[in-house]
């Protein structure tokens, strides 16, 4: 996960030289420098949901996986990706009464 160093291009480049082929981004502030550096976004949205206003930008980096917490967020991701002709892989956070999330 690139949260602690992901906004520093030399750090991203060093991790790639070490064998990583993509990065997990917590939010769009982490996605942008990864994409600008030409690196692959492997996953986004797992901790923080992508705001509707940033869904098109998120889709444009073509993450391998995009986690959604609700039907509404799944629709936003699908709509944004569909405009690019991308069949986006989504991961859904599913919970039931009594489940605990940290």
C-alpha atoms as a PDB file:
ATOM      1  CA  UNK A   1       0.000   0.000   0.000  1.00  0.00           C
ATOM      2  CA  UNK A   2       1.458   3.298  -1.095  1.00  0.00           C
ATOM      3  CA  UNK A   3      -0.090   5.606   1.516  1.00  0.00           C
ATOM      4  CA  UNK A   4       3.109   6.357   3.429  1.00  0.00           C
ATOM      5  CA  UNK A   5       5.415   6.902   0.449  1.00  0.00           C
ATOM      6  CA  UNK A   6       3.191   6.879  -2.618  1.00  0.00           C
ATOM      7  CA  UNK A   7       3.442  10.584  -3.326  1.00  0.00           C
ATOM      8  CA  UNK A   8       7.206  10.427  -3.778  1.00  0.00           C
ATOM      9  CA  UNK A   9       8.107   9.259  -7.271  1.00  0.00           C
ATOM     10  CA  UNK A  10      11.644   8.058  -6.437  1.00  0.00           C
ATOM     11  CA  UNK A  11      10.158   5.859  -3.703  1.00  0.00           C
ATOM     12  CA  UNK A  12       7.605   4.387  -6.129  1.00  0.00           C
ATOM     13  CA  UNK A  13      10.328   3.779  -8.699  1.00  0.00           C
ATOM     14  CA  UNK A  14      12.515   2.045  -6.095  1.00  0.00           C
ATOM     15  CA  UNK A  15       9.693  -0.292  -5.104  1.00  0.00           C
ATOM     16  CA  UNK A  16       9.134  -1.203  -8.763  1.00  0.00           C
ATOM     17  CA  UNK A  17      12.859  -1.877  -9.187  1.00  0.00           C
ATOM     18  CA  UNK A  18      12.517  -4.175  -6.197  1.00  0.00           C
ATOM     19  CA  UNK A  19       9.881  -6.240  -7.983  1.00  0.00           C
ATOM     20  CA  UNK A  20       6.467  -4.683  -7.344  1.00  0.00           C
ATOM     21  CA  UNK A  21       4.321  -4.345 -10.432  1.00  0.00           C
ATOM     22  CA  UNK A  22       1.497  -2.220  -9.019  1.00  0.00           C
ATOM     23  CA  UNK A  23       0.291  -0.288  -6.003  1.00  0.00           C
ATOM     24  CA  UNK A  24      -2.690  -0.175  -3.671  1.00  0.00           C
ATOM     25  CA  UNK A  25      -4.007   3.357  -3.305  1.00  0.00           C
ATOM     26  CA  UNK A  26      -6.058   4.452  -0.306  1.00  0.00           C
ATOM     27  CA  UNK A  27      -7.706   7.404  -2.025  1.00  0.00           C
ATOM     28  CA  UNK A  28      -7.450   9.615  -5.099  1.00  0.00           C
ATOM     29  CA  UNK A  29      -4.704  11.684  -3.475  1.00  0.00           C
ATOM     30  CA  UNK A  30      -2.620   8.481  -3.542  1.00  0.00           C
ATOM     31  CA  UNK A  31      -3.800   7.420  -7.014  1.00  0.00           C
ATOM     32  CA  UNK A  32      -2.710  10.612  -8.779  1.00  0.00           C
ATOM     33  CA  UNK A  33       1.053  10.449  -8.149  1.00  0.00           C
ATOM     34  CA  UNK A  34       1.116   6.721  -8.883  1.00  0.00           C
ATOM     35  CA  UNK A  35      -0.578   7.294 -12.231  1.00  0.00           C
ATOM     36  CA  UNK A  36       1.546  10.372 -13.030  1.00  0.00           C
ATOM     37  CA  UNK A  37       4.663   8.279 -12.461  1.00  0.00           C
ATOM     38  CA  UNK A  38       3.363   5.768 -14.994  1.00  0.00           C
ATOM     39  CA  UNK A  39       2.818   2.980 -12.488  1.00  0.00           C
ATOM     40  CA  UNK A  40      -0.107   0.577 -12.316  1.00  0.00           C
ATOM     41  CA  UNK A  41      -2.855   1.018  -9.718  1.00  0.00           C
ATOM     42  CA  UNK A  42      -3.646  -2.486  -8.553  1.00  0.00           C
ATOM     43  CA  UNK A  43      -6.453  -1.621  -6.149  1.00  0.00           C
ATOM     44  CA  UNK A  44      -8.327   1.400  -4.881  1.00  0.00           C
ATOM     45  CA  UNK A  45     -11.285   2.078  -2.641  1.00  0.00           C
ATOM     46  CA  UNK A  46     -10.585  -0.558  -0.002  1.00  0.00           C
ATOM     47  CA  UNK A  47     -10.505   1.887   2.931  1.00  0.00           C
ATOM     48  CA  UNK A  48     -11.978   5.108   1.536  1.00  0.00           C
ATOM     49  CA  UNK A  49     -14.721   5.213  -1.064  1.00  0.00           C
ATOM     50  CA  UNK A  50     -14.108   7.204  -4.227  1.00  0.00           C
ATOM     51  CA  UNK A  51     -16.309  10.320  -4.256  1.00  0.00           C
ATOM     52  CA  UNK A  52     -18.829  10.528  -7.106  1.00  0.00           C
ATOM     53  CA  UNK A  53     -17.072  13.652  -8.420  1.00  0.00           C
ATOM     54  CA  UNK A  54     -13.821  11.654  -8.790  1.00  0.00           C
ATOM     55  CA  UNK A  55     -15.254   8.423 -10.233  1.00  0.00           C
ATOM     56  CA  UNK A  56     -14.385   9.317 -13.842  1.00  0.00           C
ATOM     57  CA  UNK A  57     -10.818  10.156 -12.880  1.00  0.00           C
ATOM     58  CA  UNK A  58     -10.553   6.915 -10.895  1.00  0.00           C
ATOM     59  CA  UNK A  59     -11.804   4.905 -13.859  1.00  0.00           C
ATOM     60  CA  UNK A  60      -9.326   6.626 -16.165  1.00  0.00           C
ATOM     61  CA  UNK A  61      -6.352   5.077 -14.328  1.00  0.00           C
ATOM     62  CA  UNK A  62      -7.871   1.630 -14.965  1.00  0.00           C
ATOM     63  CA  UNK A  63      -7.226   0.029 -11.582  1.00  0.00           C
ATOM     64  CA  UNK A  64      -7.078  -3.747 -11.520  1.00  0.00           C
ATOM     65  CA  UNK A  65      -9.685  -3.782  -8.732  1.00  0.00           C
ATOM     66  CA  UNK A  66     -12.005  -1.176  -7.239  1.00  0.00           C
ATOM     67  CA  UNK A  67     -13.706  -1.867  -3.904  1.00  0.00           C
ATOM     68  CA  UNK A  68     -17.230  -0.575  -3.353  1.00  0.00           C
ATOM     69  CA  UNK A  69     -19.237  -0.523  -0.135  1.00  0.00           C
ATOM     70  CA  UNK A  70     -22.726  -0.038  -1.603  1.00  0.00           C
ATOM     71  CA  UNK A  71     -24.916  -0.485  -4.658  1.00  0.00           C
ATOM     72  CA  UNK A  72     -24.654   3.266  -5.265  1.00  0.00           C
ATOM     73  CA  UNK A  73     -20.842   3.142  -5.364  1.00  0.00           C
ATOM     74  CA  UNK A  74     -20.934   0.070  -7.615  1.00  0.00           C
ATOM     75  CA  UNK A  75     -23.187   1.953 -10.020  1.00  0.00           C
ATOM     76  CA  UNK A  76     -20.869   4.999  -9.991  1.00  0.00           C
ATOM     77  CA  UNK A  77     -17.805   2.860 -10.714  1.00  0.00           C
ATOM     78  CA  UNK A  78     -19.618   0.941 -13.440  1.00  0.00           C
ATOM     79  CA  UNK A  79     -20.949   4.097 -15.067  1.00  0.00           C
ATOM     80  CA  UNK A  80     -17.556   5.837 -15.039  1.00  0.00           C
ATOM     81  CA  UNK A  81     -15.755   2.769 -16.385  1.00  0.00           C
ATOM     82  CA  UNK A  82     -18.426   2.129 -18.986  1.00  0.00           C
ATOM     83  CA  UNK A  83     -17.844   5.557 -20.519  1.00  0.00           C
ATOM     84  CA  UNK A  84     -14.272   4.427 -21.204  1.00  0.00           C
ATOM     85  CA  UNK A  85     -15.336   1.062 -22.565  1.00  0.00           C
ATOM     86  CA  UNK A  86     -13.673  -0.647 -19.612  1.00  0.00           C
ATOM     87  CA  UNK A  87     -15.091  -3.752 -17.942  1.00  0.00           C
ATOM     88  CA  UNK A  88     -14.014  -2.820 -14.407  1.00  0.00           C
ATOM     89  CA  UNK A  89     -13.459  -5.558 -11.815  1.00  0.00           C
ATOM     90  CA  UNK A  90     -15.198  -4.617  -8.567  1.00  0.00           C
ATOM     91  CA  UNK A  91     -14.784  -6.033  -5.094  1.00  0.00           C
ATOM     92  CA  UNK A  92     -17.860  -5.622  -2.897  1.00  0.00           C
ATOM     93  CA  UNK A  93     -17.645  -5.213   0.844  1.00  0.00           C
ATOM     94  CA  UNK A  94     -20.545  -7.298   2.060  1.00  0.00           C
ATOM     95  CA  UNK A  95     -21.681  -7.323   5.648  1.00  0.00           C
ATOM     96  CA  UNK A  96     -24.511  -8.691   7.725  1.00  0.00           C
ATOM     97  CA  UNK A  97     -26.093  -7.668  10.988  1.00  0.00           C
ATOM     98  CA  UNK A  98     -23.593  -8.306  13.760  1.00  0.00           C
ATOM     99  CA  UNK A  99     -20.503  -8.025  11.566  1.00  0.00           C
ATOM    100  CA  UNK A 100     -17.735  -5.768  12.859  1.00  0.00           C
ATOM    101  CA  UNK A 101     -15.476  -3.648  10.663  1.00  0.00           C
ATOM    102  CA  UNK A 102     -12.358  -1.871  11.830  1.00  0.00           C
END
